[in-house]
PDB file of N, CA and C in Angstrom:
ATOM      1  N   MET A   1      15.441 -21.196  -8.784  1.00  0.00           N
ATOM      2  CA  MET A   1      15.845 -21.057  -7.408  1.00  0.00           C
ATOM      3  C   MET A   1      15.228 -19.797  -6.801  1.00  0.00           C
ATOM      4  N   GLY A   2      15.131 -18.747  -7.586  1.00  0.00           N
ATOM      5  CA  GLY A   2      14.533 -17.509  -7.108  1.00  0.00           C
ATOM      6  C   GLY A   2      13.074 -17.681  -6.734  1.00  0.00           C
ATOM      7  N   ILE A   3      12.375 -18.552  -7.454  1.00  0.00           N
ATOM      8  CA  ILE A   3      10.966 -18.810  -7.142  1.00  0.00           C
ATOM      9  C   ILE A   3      10.840 -19.420  -5.758  1.00  0.00           C
ATOM     10  N   TRP A   4      11.730 -20.347  -5.413  1.00  0.00           N
ATOM     11  CA  TRP A   4      11.684 -20.977  -4.091  1.00  0.00           C
ATOM     12  C   TRP A   4      12.025 -19.984  -2.988  1.00  0.00           C
ATOM     13  N   MET A   5      13.006 -19.113  -3.232  1.00  0.00           N
ATOM     14  CA  MET A   5      13.357 -18.095  -2.235  1.00  0.00           C
ATOM     15  C   MET A   5      12.177 -17.159  -1.984  1.00  0.00           C
ATOM     16  N   ALA A   6      11.551 -16.716  -3.072  1.00  0.00           N
ATOM     17  CA  ALA A   6      10.421 -15.798  -2.941  1.00  0.00           C
ATOM     18  C   ALA A   6       9.240 -16.475  -2.256  1.00  0.00           C
ATOM     19  N   ALA A   7       8.962 -17.722  -2.607  1.00  0.00           N
ATOM     20  CA  ALA A   7       7.839 -18.433  -1.983  1.00  0.00           C
ATOM     21  C   ALA A   7       8.074 -18.636  -0.494  1.00  0.00           C
ATOM     22  N   SER A   8       9.293 -18.968  -0.119  1.00  0.00           N
ATOM     23  CA  SER A   8       9.612 -19.159   1.297  1.00  0.00           C
ATOM     24  C   SER A   8       9.420 -17.869   2.078  1.00  0.00           C
ATOM     25  N   LEU A   9       9.888 -16.765   1.522  1.00  0.00           N
ATOM     26  CA  LEU A   9       9.761 -15.480   2.212  1.00  0.00           C
ATOM     27  C   LEU A   9       8.307 -15.027   2.278  1.00  0.00           C
ATOM     28  N   ARG A  10       7.540 -15.250   1.200  1.00  0.00           N
ATOM     29  CA  ARG A  10       6.113 -14.891   1.230  1.00  0.00           C
ATOM     30  C   ARG A  10       5.375 -15.675   2.310  1.00  0.00           C
ATOM     31  N   LYS A  11       5.689 -16.956   2.435  1.00  0.00           N
ATOM     32  CA  LYS A  11       5.036 -17.780   3.455  1.00  0.00           C
ATOM     33  C   LYS A  11       5.389 -17.277   4.850  1.00  0.00           C
ATOM     34  N   LYS A  12       6.642 -16.907   5.072  1.00  0.00           N
ATOM     35  CA  LYS A  12       7.041 -16.379   6.380  1.00  0.00           C
ATOM     36  C   LYS A  12       6.365 -15.043   6.667  1.00  0.00           C
ATOM     37  N   MET A  13       6.184 -14.206   5.633  1.00  0.00           N
ATOM     38  CA  MET A  13       5.466 -12.944   5.819  1.00  0.00           C
ATOM     39  C   MET A  13       4.016 -13.210   6.206  1.00  0.00           C
ATOM     40  N   GLU A  14       3.407 -14.194   5.534  1.00  0.00           N
ATOM     41  CA  GLU A  14       2.018 -14.554   5.835  1.00  0.00           C
ATOM     42  C   GLU A  14       1.890 -15.074   7.266  1.00  0.00           C
ATOM     43  N   LEU A  15       2.816 -15.914   7.682  1.00  0.00           N
ATOM     44  CA  LEU A  15       2.787 -16.435   9.049  1.00  0.00           C
ATOM     45  C   LEU A  15       3.002 -15.327  10.076  1.00  0.00           C
ATOM     46  N   ALA A  16       3.899 -14.389   9.776  1.00  0.00           N
ATOM     47  CA  ALA A  16       4.137 -13.268  10.697  1.00  0.00           C
ATOM     48  C   ALA A  16       2.902 -12.390  10.807  1.00  0.00           C
ATOM     49  N   ARG A  17       2.237 -12.143   9.682  1.00  0.00           N
ATOM     50  CA  ARG A  17       1.010 -11.348   9.706  1.00  0.00           C
ATOM     51  C   ARG A  17      -0.071 -12.051  10.513  1.00  0.00           C
ATOM     52  N   THR A  18      -0.234 -13.353  10.306  1.00  0.00           N
ATOM     53  CA  THR A  18      -1.244 -14.122  11.033  1.00  0.00           C
ATOM     54  C   THR A  18      -0.955 -14.113  12.521  1.00  0.00           C
ATOM     55  N   ALA A  19       0.289 -14.290  12.889  1.00  0.00           N
ATOM     56  CA  ALA A  19       0.658 -14.311  14.308  1.00  0.00           C
ATOM     57  C   ALA A  19       0.439 -12.953  14.958  1.00  0.00           C
ATOM     58  N   SER A  20       0.672 -11.877  14.227  1.00  0.00           N
ATOM     59  CA  SER A  20       0.511 -10.547  14.822  1.00  0.00           C
ATOM     60  C   SER A  20      -0.952 -10.134  14.911  1.00  0.00           C
ATOM     61  N   LEU A  21      -1.820 -10.691  14.060  1.00  0.00           N
ATOM     62  CA  LEU A  21      -3.230 -10.316  14.076  1.00  0.00           C
ATOM     63  C   LEU A  21      -4.035 -11.098  15.099  1.00  0.00           C
ATOM     64  N   GLU A  22      -3.552 -12.257  15.509  1.00  0.00           N
ATOM     65  CA  GLU A  22      -4.264 -13.054  16.501  1.00  0.00           C
ATOM     66  C   GLU A  22      -3.979 -12.500  17.882  1.00  0.00           C
ATOM     67  N   SER A  23      -5.035 -12.385  18.684  1.00  0.00           N
ATOM     68  CA  SER A  23      -4.840 -11.954  20.068  1.00  0.00           C
ATOM     69  C   SER A  23      -5.232 -13.095  20.986  1.00  0.00           C
ATOM     70  N   PRO A  24      -4.379 -13.480  21.928  1.00  0.00           N
ATOM     71  CA  PRO A  24      -4.662 -14.637  22.767  1.00  0.00           C
ATOM     72  C   PRO A  24      -5.889 -14.457  23.648  1.00  0.00           C
ATOM     73  N   GLY A  25      -6.261 -13.245  24.023  1.00  0.00           N
ATOM     74  CA  GLY A  25      -7.402 -13.030  24.897  1.00  0.00           C
ATOM     75  C   GLY A  25      -8.729 -12.982  24.174  1.00  0.00           C
ATOM     76  N   SER A  26      -8.730 -13.004  22.848  1.00  0.00           N
ATOM     77  CA  SER A  26      -9.977 -12.853  22.109  1.00  0.00           C
ATOM     78  C   SER A  26     -10.888 -14.059  22.256  1.00  0.00           C
ATOM     79  N   GLU A  27     -10.372 -15.242  22.514  1.00  0.00           N
ATOM     80  CA  GLU A  27     -11.210 -16.421  22.646  1.00  0.00           C
ATOM     81  C   GLU A  27     -11.952 -16.453  23.972  1.00  0.00           C
ATOM     82  N   SER A  28     -11.425 -15.827  25.000  1.00  0.00           N
ATOM     83  CA  SER A  28     -12.044 -15.887  26.310  1.00  0.00           C
ATOM     84  C   SER A  28     -13.113 -14.819  26.506  1.00  0.00           C
ATOM     85  N   GLU A  29     -13.269 -13.872  25.567  1.00  0.00           N
ATOM     86  CA  GLU A  29     -14.275 -12.837  25.698  1.00  0.00           C
ATOM     87  C   GLU A  29     -15.646 -13.405  25.381  1.00  0.00           C
ATOM     88  N   PRO A  30     -16.685 -12.969  26.096  1.00  0.00           N
ATOM     89  CA  PRO A  30     -18.034 -13.411  25.770  1.00  0.00           C
ATOM     90  C   PRO A  30     -18.461 -12.877  24.409  1.00  0.00           C
ATOM     91  N   ALA A  31     -19.391 -13.582  23.770  1.00  0.00           N
ATOM     92  CA  ALA A  31     -19.838 -13.203  22.434  1.00  0.00           C
ATOM     93  C   ALA A  31     -20.555 -11.863  22.446  1.00  0.00           C
ATOM     94  N   SER A  32     -21.258 -11.513  23.523  1.00  0.00           N
ATOM     95  CA  SER A  32     -21.992 -10.255  23.573  1.00  0.00           C
ATOM     96  C   SER A  32     -21.059  -9.053  23.616  1.00  0.00           C
ATOM     97  N   ASN A  33     -19.860  -9.211  24.149  1.00  0.00           N
ATOM     98  CA  ASN A  33     -18.917  -8.107  24.237  1.00  0.00           C
ATOM     99  C   ASN A  33     -17.901  -8.111  23.103  1.00  0.00           C
ATOM    100  N   SER A  34     -18.057  -9.034  22.155  1.00  0.00           N
ATOM    101  CA  SER A  34     -17.051  -9.140  21.104  1.00  0.00           C
ATOM    102  C   SER A  34     -17.025  -7.904  20.213  1.00  0.00           C
ATOM    103  N   ARG A  35     -18.137  -7.156  20.119  1.00  0.00           N
ATOM    104  CA  ARG A  35     -18.170  -5.960  19.293  1.00  0.00           C
ATOM    105  C   ARG A  35     -18.002  -4.689  20.124  1.00  0.00           C
ATOM    106  N   ALA A  36     -17.869  -4.821  21.430  1.00  0.00           N
ATOM    107  CA  ALA A  36     -17.697  -3.645  22.276  1.00  0.00           C
ATOM    108  C   ALA A  36     -16.384  -2.968  21.938  1.00  0.00           C
ATOM    109  N   GLY A  37     -16.428  -1.669  21.769  1.00  0.00           N
ATOM    110  CA  GLY A  37     -15.218  -0.935  21.425  1.00  0.00           C
ATOM    111  C   GLY A  37     -14.778  -1.181  19.999  1.00  0.00           C
ATOM    112  N   HIS A  38     -15.728  -1.557  19.138  1.00  0.00           N
ATOM    113  CA  HIS A  38     -15.413  -1.861  17.745  1.00  0.00           C
ATOM    114  C   HIS A  38     -14.942  -0.610  17.023  1.00  0.00           C
ATOM    115  N   ASP A  39     -13.887  -0.733  16.259  1.00  0.00           N
ATOM    116  CA  ASP A  39     -13.359   0.367  15.463  1.00  0.00           C
ATOM    117  C   ASP A  39     -13.962   0.279  14.069  1.00  0.00           C
ATOM    118  N   SER A  40     -14.600   1.334  13.618  1.00  0.00           N
ATOM    119  CA  SER A  40     -15.233   1.317  12.300  1.00  0.00           C
ATOM    120  C   SER A  40     -14.203   1.251  11.176  1.00  0.00           C
ATOM    121  N   ASN A  41     -12.976   1.563  11.472  1.00  0.00           N
ATOM    122  CA  ASN A  41     -11.902   1.506  10.479  1.00  0.00           C
ATOM    123  C   ASN A  41     -11.068   0.248  10.645  1.00  0.00           C
ATOM    124  N   GLU A  42     -11.702  -0.848  11.030  1.00  0.00           N
ATOM    125  CA  GLU A  42     -10.970  -2.076  11.333  1.00  0.00           C
ATOM    126  C   GLU A  42     -10.145  -2.557  10.145  1.00  0.00           C
ATOM    127  N   ASN A  43     -10.722  -2.510   8.941  1.00  0.00           N
ATOM    128  CA  ASN A  43      -9.981  -2.973   7.770  1.00  0.00           C
ATOM    129  C   ASN A  43      -8.761  -2.110   7.503  1.00  0.00           C
ATOM    130  N   GLN A  44      -8.880  -0.806   7.718  1.00  0.00           N
ATOM    131  CA  GLN A  44      -7.731   0.065   7.525  1.00  0.00           C
ATOM    132  C   GLN A  44      -6.649  -0.242   8.541  1.00  0.00           C
ATOM    133  N   ASN A  45      -7.025  -0.591   9.764  1.00  0.00           N
ATOM    134  CA  ASN A  45      -6.035  -0.925  10.781  1.00  0.00           C
ATOM    135  C   ASN A  45      -5.269  -2.182  10.400  1.00  0.00           C
ATOM    136  N   LEU A  46      -5.955  -3.137   9.768  1.00  0.00           N
ATOM    137  CA  LEU A  46      -5.262  -4.348   9.337  1.00  0.00           C
ATOM    138  C   LEU A  46      -4.237  -4.015   8.263  1.00  0.00           C
ATOM    139  N   ASP A  47      -4.593  -3.105   7.352  1.00  0.00           N
ATOM    140  CA  ASP A  47      -3.650  -2.716   6.312  1.00  0.00           C
ATOM    141  C   ASP A  47      -2.467  -1.966   6.902  1.00  0.00           C
ATOM    142  N   ASP A  48      -2.701  -1.186   7.965  1.00  0.00           N
ATOM    143  CA  ASP A  48      -1.596  -0.477   8.608  1.00  0.00           C
ATOM    144  C   ASP A  48      -0.600  -1.459   9.190  1.00  0.00           C
ATOM    145  N   ASN A  49      -1.069  -2.627   9.666  1.00  0.00           N
ATOM    146  CA  ASN A  49      -0.167  -3.635  10.223  1.00  0.00           C
ATOM    147  C   ASN A  49       0.740  -4.224   9.153  1.00  0.00           C
ATOM    148  N   ALA A  50       0.305  -4.161   7.897  1.00  0.00           N
ATOM    149  CA  ALA A  50       1.126  -4.717   6.819  1.00  0.00           C
ATOM    150  C   ALA A  50       2.412  -3.920   6.635  1.00  0.00           C
ATOM    151  N   ASP A  51       2.415  -2.653   7.065  1.00  0.00           N
ATOM    152  CA  ASP A  51       3.610  -1.830   6.933  1.00  0.00           C
ATOM    153  C   ASP A  51       4.496  -1.884   8.162  1.00  0.00           C
ATOM    154  N   ASP A  52       4.147  -2.688   9.153  1.00  0.00           N
ATOM    155  CA  ASP A  52       4.931  -2.818  10.378  1.00  0.00           C
ATOM    156  C   ASP A  52       6.282  -3.446  10.047  1.00  0.00           C
ATOM    157  N   PRO A  53       7.391  -2.823  10.446  1.00  0.00           N
ATOM    158  CA  PRO A  53       8.710  -3.367  10.122  1.00  0.00           C
ATOM    159  C   PRO A  53       8.922  -4.784  10.633  1.00  0.00           C
ATOM    160  N   SER A  54       8.274  -5.156  11.727  1.00  0.00           N
ATOM    161  CA  SER A  54       8.469  -6.506  12.248  1.00  0.00           C
ATOM    162  C   SER A  54       7.856  -7.545  11.324  1.00  0.00           C
ATOM    163  N   ILE A  55       6.945  -7.128  10.454  1.00  0.00           N
ATOM    164  CA  ILE A  55       6.293  -8.065   9.546  1.00  0.00           C
ATOM    165  C   ILE A  55       6.931  -8.026   8.164  1.00  0.00           C
ATOM    166  N   THR A  56       7.103  -6.830   7.614  1.00  0.00           N
ATOM    167  CA  THR A  56       7.507  -6.726   6.211  1.00  0.00           C
ATOM    168  C   THR A  56       8.988  -6.490   5.996  1.00  0.00           C
ATOM    169  N   ALA A  57       9.724  -6.111   6.987  1.00  0.00           N
ATOM    170  CA  ALA A  57      11.146  -5.826   6.797  1.00  0.00           C
ATOM    171  C   ALA A  57      11.986  -7.066   7.046  1.00  0.00           C
ATOM    172  N   LEU A  58      11.541  -8.180   6.520  1.00  0.00           N
ATOM    173  CA  LEU A  58      12.285  -9.429   6.666  1.00  0.00           C
ATOM    174  C   LEU A  58      13.424  -9.453   5.652  1.00  0.00           C
ATOM    175  N   LEU A  59      14.578  -9.786   6.121  1.00  0.00           N
ATOM    176  CA  LEU A  59      15.723  -9.978   5.238  1.00  0.00           C
ATOM    177  C   LEU A  59      16.448 -11.207   5.746  1.00  0.00           C
ATOM    178  N   GLU A  60      16.482 -12.225   4.935  1.00  0.00           N
ATOM    179  CA  GLU A  60      17.160 -13.444   5.365  1.00  0.00           C
ATOM    180  C   GLU A  60      18.064 -13.936   4.252  1.00  0.00           C
ATOM    181  N   PRO A  61      19.222 -14.414   4.602  1.00  0.00           N
ATOM    182  CA  PRO A  61      20.110 -14.934   3.562  1.00  0.00           C
ATOM    183  C   PRO A  61      19.609 -16.282   3.052  1.00  0.00           C
ATOM    184  N   SER A  62      19.784 -16.495   1.769  1.00  0.00           N
ATOM    185  CA  SER A  62      19.495 -17.789   1.164  1.00  0.00           C
ATOM    186  C   SER A  62      20.806 -18.332   0.630  1.00  0.00           C
ATOM    187  N   LEU A  63      21.062 -19.572   0.912  1.00  0.00           N
ATOM    188  CA  LEU A  63      22.330 -20.194   0.542  1.00  0.00           C
ATOM    189  C   LEU A  63      22.111 -21.131  -0.640  1.00  0.00           C
ATOM    190  N   ALA A  64      22.964 -21.009  -1.626  1.00  0.00           N
ATOM    191  CA  ALA A  64      22.893 -21.867  -2.799  1.00  0.00           C
ATOM    192  C   ALA A  64      24.248 -22.530  -2.997  1.00  0.00           C
ATOM    193  N   VAL A  65      24.236 -23.845  -3.148  1.00  0.00           N
ATOM    194  CA  VAL A  65      25.465 -24.592  -3.410  1.00  0.00           C
ATOM    195  C   VAL A  65      25.409 -25.041  -4.868  1.00  0.00           C
ATOM    196  N   ILE A  66      26.340 -24.526  -5.651  1.00  0.00           N
ATOM    197  CA  ILE A  66      26.410 -24.855  -7.066  1.00  0.00           C
ATOM    198  C   ILE A  66      27.792 -25.431  -7.324  1.00  0.00           C
ATOM    199  N   GLY A  67      27.876 -26.735  -7.412  1.00  0.00           N
ATOM    200  CA  GLY A  67      29.171 -27.390  -7.563  1.00  0.00           C
ATOM    201  C   GLY A  67      30.021 -27.183  -6.328  1.00  0.00           C
ATOM    202  N   TYR A  68      31.200 -26.596  -6.519  1.00  0.00           N
ATOM    203  CA  TYR A  68      32.093 -26.308  -5.395  1.00  0.00           C
ATOM    204  C   TYR A  68      31.757 -24.985  -4.709  1.00  0.00           C
ATOM    205  N   GLU A  69      31.032 -24.138  -5.404  1.00  0.00           N
ATOM    206  CA  GLU A  69      30.792 -22.772  -4.933  1.00  0.00           C
ATOM    207  C   GLU A  69      29.573 -22.696  -4.017  1.00  0.00           C
ATOM    208  N   HIS A  70      29.687 -21.897  -2.970  1.00  0.00           N
ATOM    209  CA  HIS A  70      28.578 -21.593  -2.065  1.00  0.00           C
ATOM    210  C   HIS A  70      28.272 -20.113  -2.240  1.00  0.00           C
ATOM    211  N   LYS A  71      27.039 -19.794  -2.630  1.00  0.00           N
ATOM    212  CA  LYS A  71      26.660 -18.410  -2.914  1.00  0.00           C
ATOM    213  C   LYS A  71      25.557 -17.975  -1.962  1.00  0.00           C
ATOM    214  N   ILE A  72      25.572 -16.688  -1.608  1.00  0.00           N
ATOM    215  CA  ILE A  72      24.601 -16.130  -0.679  1.00  0.00           C
ATOM    216  C   ILE A  72      23.765 -15.089  -1.419  1.00  0.00           C
ATOM    217  N   TYR A  73      22.444 -15.257  -1.324  1.00  0.00           N
ATOM    218  CA  TYR A  73      21.491 -14.319  -1.908  1.00  0.00           C
ATOM    219  C   TYR A  73      20.639 -13.744  -0.782  1.00  0.00           C
ATOM    220  N   TYR A  74      20.082 -12.546  -1.022  1.00  0.00           N
ATOM    221  CA  TYR A  74      19.258 -11.883  -0.015  1.00  0.00           C
ATOM    222  C   TYR A  74      17.886 -11.544  -0.595  1.00  0.00           C
ATOM    223  N   PRO A  75      16.901 -12.404  -0.386  1.00  0.00           N
ATOM    224  CA  PRO A  75      15.542 -12.032  -0.786  1.00  0.00           C
ATOM    225  C   PRO A  75      14.913 -11.153   0.292  1.00  0.00           C
ATOM    226  N   TYR A  76      14.173 -10.143  -0.136  1.00  0.00           N
ATOM    227  CA  TYR A  76      13.471  -9.287   0.822  1.00  0.00           C
ATOM    228  C   TYR A  76      12.195  -8.766   0.166  1.00  0.00           C
ATOM    229  N   PRO A  77      11.176  -8.489   0.978  1.00  0.00           N
ATOM    230  CA  PRO A  77       9.931  -7.951   0.417  1.00  0.00           C
ATOM    231  C   PRO A  77      10.125  -6.486   0.036  1.00  0.00           C
ATOM    232  N   SER A  78       9.861  -6.156  -1.223  1.00  0.00           N
ATOM    233  CA  SER A  78      10.019  -4.775  -1.656  1.00  0.00           C
ATOM    234  C   SER A  78       8.748  -3.969  -1.435  1.00  0.00           C
ATOM    235  N   PHE A  79       7.607  -4.635  -1.332  1.00  0.00           N
ATOM    236  CA  PHE A  79       6.331  -3.991  -1.044  1.00  0.00           C
ATOM    237  C   PHE A  79       5.541  -4.889  -0.111  1.00  0.00           C
ATOM    238  N   ALA A  80       4.599  -4.316   0.621  1.00  0.00           N
ATOM    239  CA  ALA A  80       3.763  -5.091   1.535  1.00  0.00           C
ATOM    240  C   ALA A  80       2.814  -6.012   0.778  1.00  0.00           C
ATOM    241  N   THR A  81       2.673  -5.821  -0.536  1.00  0.00           N
ATOM    242  CA  THR A  81       1.765  -6.643  -1.326  1.00  0.00           C
ATOM    243  C   THR A  81       2.332  -8.026  -1.609  1.00  0.00           C
ATOM    244  N   GLY A  82       3.595  -8.248  -1.304  1.00  0.00           N
ATOM    245  CA  GLY A  82       4.179  -9.564  -1.503  1.00  0.00           C
ATOM    246  C   GLY A  82       5.219  -9.633  -2.598  1.00  0.00           C
ATOM    247  N   ASP A  83       5.555  -8.511  -3.238  1.00  0.00           N
ATOM    248  CA  ASP A  83       6.610  -8.518  -4.251  1.00  0.00           C
ATOM    249  C   ASP A  83       7.949  -8.758  -3.567  1.00  0.00           C
ATOM    250  N   ILE A  84       8.738  -9.659  -4.127  1.00  0.00           N
ATOM    251  CA  ILE A  84      10.017 -10.041  -3.539  1.00  0.00           C
ATOM    252  C   ILE A  84      11.141  -9.632  -4.486  1.00  0.00           C
ATOM    253  N   THR A  85      12.182  -9.048  -3.925  1.00  0.00           N
ATOM    254  CA  THR A  85      13.390  -8.708  -4.678  1.00  0.00           C
ATOM    255  C   THR A  85      14.528  -9.570  -4.147  1.00  0.00           C
ATOM    256  N   ILE A  86      15.348 -10.088  -5.044  1.00  0.00           N
ATOM    257  CA  ILE A  86      16.468 -10.942  -4.642  1.00  0.00           C
ATOM    258  C   ILE A  86      17.770 -10.277  -5.072  1.00  0.00           C
ATOM    259  N   LEU A  87      18.629 -10.027  -4.102  1.00  0.00           N
ATOM    260  CA  LEU A  87      19.951  -9.460  -4.367  1.00  0.00           C
ATOM    261  C   LEU A  87      20.986 -10.570  -4.278  1.00  0.00           C
ATOM    262  N   GLY A  88      21.948 -10.545  -5.170  1.00  0.00           N
ATOM    263  CA  GLY A  88      23.020 -11.508  -5.034  1.00  0.00           C
ATOM    264  C   GLY A  88      23.516 -11.998  -6.364  1.00  0.00           C
ATOM    265  N   PRO A  89      24.512 -12.821  -6.334  1.00  0.00           N
ATOM    266  CA  PRO A  89      25.203 -13.341  -5.151  1.00  0.00           C
ATOM    267  C   PRO A  89      26.063 -12.262  -4.494  1.00  0.00           C
ATOM    268  N   ASP A  90      26.230 -12.384  -3.205  1.00  0.00           N
ATOM    269  CA  ASP A  90      26.993 -11.418  -2.418  1.00  0.00           C
ATOM    270  C   ASP A  90      28.478 -11.579  -2.743  1.00  0.00           C
ATOM    271  N   GLU A  91      29.080 -10.516  -3.258  1.00  0.00           N
ATOM    272  CA  GLU A  91      30.491 -10.554  -3.660  1.00  0.00           C
ATOM    273  C   GLU A  91      31.442 -10.617  -2.469  1.00  0.00           C
ATOM    274  N   LYS A  92      30.975 -10.212  -1.295  1.00  0.00           N
ATOM    275  CA  LYS A  92      31.828 -10.259  -0.107  1.00  0.00           C
ATOM    276  C   LYS A  92      32.203 -11.702   0.235  1.00  0.00           C
ATOM    277  N   PHE A  93      31.318 -12.621  -0.098  1.00  0.00           N
ATOM    278  CA  PHE A  93      31.556 -14.031   0.204  1.00  0.00           C
ATOM    279  C   PHE A  93      31.855 -14.821  -1.071  1.00  0.00           C
ATOM    280  N   ALA A  94      32.564 -14.221  -2.001  1.00  0.00           N
ATOM    281  CA  ALA A  94      32.850 -14.864  -3.283  1.00  0.00           C
ATOM    282  C   ALA A  94      33.819 -16.033  -3.149  1.00  0.00           C
ATOM    283  N   ASN A  95      34.614 -16.075  -2.096  1.00  0.00           N
ATOM    284  CA  ASN A  95      35.632 -17.121  -1.953  1.00  0.00           C
ATOM    285  C   ASN A  95      35.155 -18.325  -1.158  1.00  0.00           C
ATOM    286  N   LEU A  96      33.854 -18.488  -0.994  1.00  0.00           N
ATOM    287  CA  LEU A  96      33.350 -19.661  -0.275  1.00  0.00           C
ATOM    288  C   LEU A  96      33.274 -20.832  -1.249  1.00  0.00           C
ATOM    289  N   SER A  97      34.234 -21.711  -1.155  1.00  0.00           N
ATOM    290  CA  SER A  97      34.341 -22.817  -2.090  1.00  0.00           C
ATOM    291  C   SER A  97      34.977 -24.014  -1.394  1.00  0.00           C
ATOM    292  N   THR A  98      34.663 -25.191  -1.898  1.00  0.00           N
ATOM    293  CA  THR A  98      35.284 -26.409  -1.361  1.00  0.00           C
ATOM    294  C   THR A  98      36.373 -26.937  -2.295  1.00  0.00           C
ATOM    295  N   ARG A  99      36.890 -26.090  -3.163  1.00  0.00           N
ATOM    296  CA  ARG A  99      37.956 -26.525  -4.078  1.00  0.00           C
ATOM    297  C   ARG A  99      39.285 -26.724  -3.370  1.00  0.00           C
ATOM    298  N   ALA A 100      39.479 -26.037  -2.245  1.00  0.00           N
ATOM    299  CA  ALA A 100      40.737 -26.145  -1.498  1.00  0.00           C
ATOM    300  C   ALA A 100      40.420 -26.324  -0.020  1.00  0.00           C
ATOM    301  N   VAL A 101      41.382 -26.858   0.710  1.00  0.00           N
ATOM    302  CA  VAL A 101      41.205 -27.076   2.146  1.00  0.00           C
ATOM    303  C   VAL A 101      40.954 -25.750   2.854  1.00  0.00           C
ATOM    304  N   GLN A 102      41.638 -24.708   2.438  1.00  0.00           N
ATOM    305  CA  GLN A 102      41.455 -23.387   3.034  1.00  0.00           C
ATOM    306  C   GLN A 102      40.001 -22.916   2.893  1.00  0.00           C
ATOM    307  N   GLY A 103      39.404 -23.161   1.739  1.00  0.00           N
ATOM    308  CA  GLY A 103      38.008 -22.782   1.510  1.00  0.00           C
ATOM    309  C   GLY A 103      37.045 -23.564   2.383  1.00  0.00           C
ATOM    310  N   ILE A 104      37.365 -24.824   2.651  1.00  0.00           N
ATOM    311  CA  ILE A 104      36.517 -25.645   3.522  1.00  0.00           C
ATOM    312  C   ILE A 104      36.490 -25.059   4.924  1.00  0.00           C
ATOM    313  N   PHE A 105      37.637 -24.623   5.420  1.00  0.00           N
ATOM    314  CA  PHE A 105      37.675 -24.027   6.758  1.00  0.00           C
ATOM    315  C   PHE A 105      36.942 -22.685   6.794  1.00  0.00           C
ATOM    316  N   LYS A 106      37.010 -21.924   5.705  1.00  0.00           N
ATOM    317  CA  LYS A 106      36.232 -20.683   5.629  1.00  0.00           C
ATOM    318  C   LYS A 106      34.736 -20.987   5.693  1.00  0.00           C
ATOM    319  N   LEU A 107      34.334 -22.038   4.984  1.00  0.00           N
ATOM    320  CA  LEU A 107      32.923 -22.431   5.003  1.00  0.00           C
ATOM    321  C   LEU A 107      32.477 -22.867   6.395  1.00  0.00           C
ATOM    322  N   ILE A 108      33.321 -23.612   7.083  1.00  0.00           N
ATOM    323  CA  ILE A 108      32.982 -24.057   8.440  1.00  0.00           C
ATOM    324  C   ILE A 108      32.769 -22.846   9.341  1.00  0.00           C
ATOM    325  N   ARG A 109      33.669 -21.877   9.262  1.00  0.00           N
ATOM    326  CA  ARG A 109      33.512 -20.652  10.074  1.00  0.00           C
ATOM    327  C   ARG A 109      32.259 -19.881   9.675  1.00  0.00           C
ATOM    328  N   PHE A 110      32.006 -19.796   8.383  1.00  0.00           N
ATOM    329  CA  PHE A 110      30.847 -19.061   7.887  1.00  0.00           C
ATOM    330  C   PHE A 110      29.545 -19.695   8.379  1.00  0.00           C
ATOM    331  N   TYR A 111      29.411 -21.012   8.210  1.00  0.00           N
ATOM    332  CA  TYR A 111      28.186 -21.689   8.650  1.00  0.00           C
ATOM    333  C   TYR A 111      28.055 -21.682  10.168  1.00  0.00           C
ATOM    334  N   ALA A 112      29.160 -21.743  10.893  1.00  0.00           N
ATOM    335  CA  ALA A 112      29.105 -21.653  12.361  1.00  0.00           C
ATOM    336  C   ALA A 112      28.591 -20.287  12.792  1.00  0.00           C
ATOM    337  N   THR A 113      29.009 -19.237  12.100  1.00  0.00           N
ATOM    338  CA  THR A 113      28.525 -17.890  12.413  1.00  0.00           C
ATOM    339  C   THR A 113      27.027 -17.779  12.152  1.00  0.00           C
ATOM    340  N   ILE A 114      26.571 -18.340  11.050  1.00  0.00           N
ATOM    341  CA  ILE A 114      25.134 -18.321  10.750  1.00  0.00           C
ATOM    342  C   ILE A 114      24.356 -19.057  11.838  1.00  0.00           C
ATOM    343  N   LEU A 115      24.839 -20.209  12.255  1.00  0.00           N
ATOM    344  CA  LEU A 115      24.146 -20.975  13.297  1.00  0.00           C
ATOM    345  C   LEU A 115      24.165 -20.252  14.636  1.00  0.00           C
ATOM    346  N   ASP A 116      25.242 -19.527  14.934  1.00  0.00           N
ATOM    347  CA  ASP A 116      25.304 -18.754  16.178  1.00  0.00           C
ATOM    348  C   ASP A 116      24.233 -17.672  16.226  1.00  0.00           C
ATOM    349  N   TYR A 117      23.917 -17.094  15.074  1.00  0.00           N
ATOM    350  CA  TYR A 117      22.907 -16.037  15.026  1.00  0.00           C
ATOM    351  C   TYR A 117      21.495 -16.590  14.888  1.00  0.00           C
ATOM    352  N   GLY A 118      21.340 -17.888  14.867  1.00  0.00           N
ATOM    353  CA  GLY A 118      20.012 -18.493  14.872  1.00  0.00           C
ATOM    354  C   GLY A 118      19.325 -18.580  13.535  1.00  0.00           C
ATOM    355  N   TYR A 119      20.061 -18.691  12.465  1.00  0.00           N
ATOM    356  CA  TYR A 119      19.449 -18.793  11.137  1.00  0.00           C
ATOM    357  C   TYR A 119      18.694 -20.073  11.007  1.00  0.00           C
TER     358      TYR A 119
END
């Protein structure tokens, strides 16, 4: 399960990096001016973008249902190189279970809160 969490987060990091490196106006520039204002440290600038919090500071909950129990894990990138660390299960949400009616209502509230925040 950890492999799937890490792969999902790596793919999202890759997509975020790709989206941040593309500039919408670059296609409309003429080819003769494409090198105008060229920065000789272009490769270093790309590496600097890898440390941008909007790209690498992704933290998203991963939900695992094991029998009656619902567990929450937090995969996050520990380095810009793509290493992923997974924390969990979160003990704060240890009582998320469908063994009792009360637990079902807790789960409904929990998932509604996640959907409200746009997960």
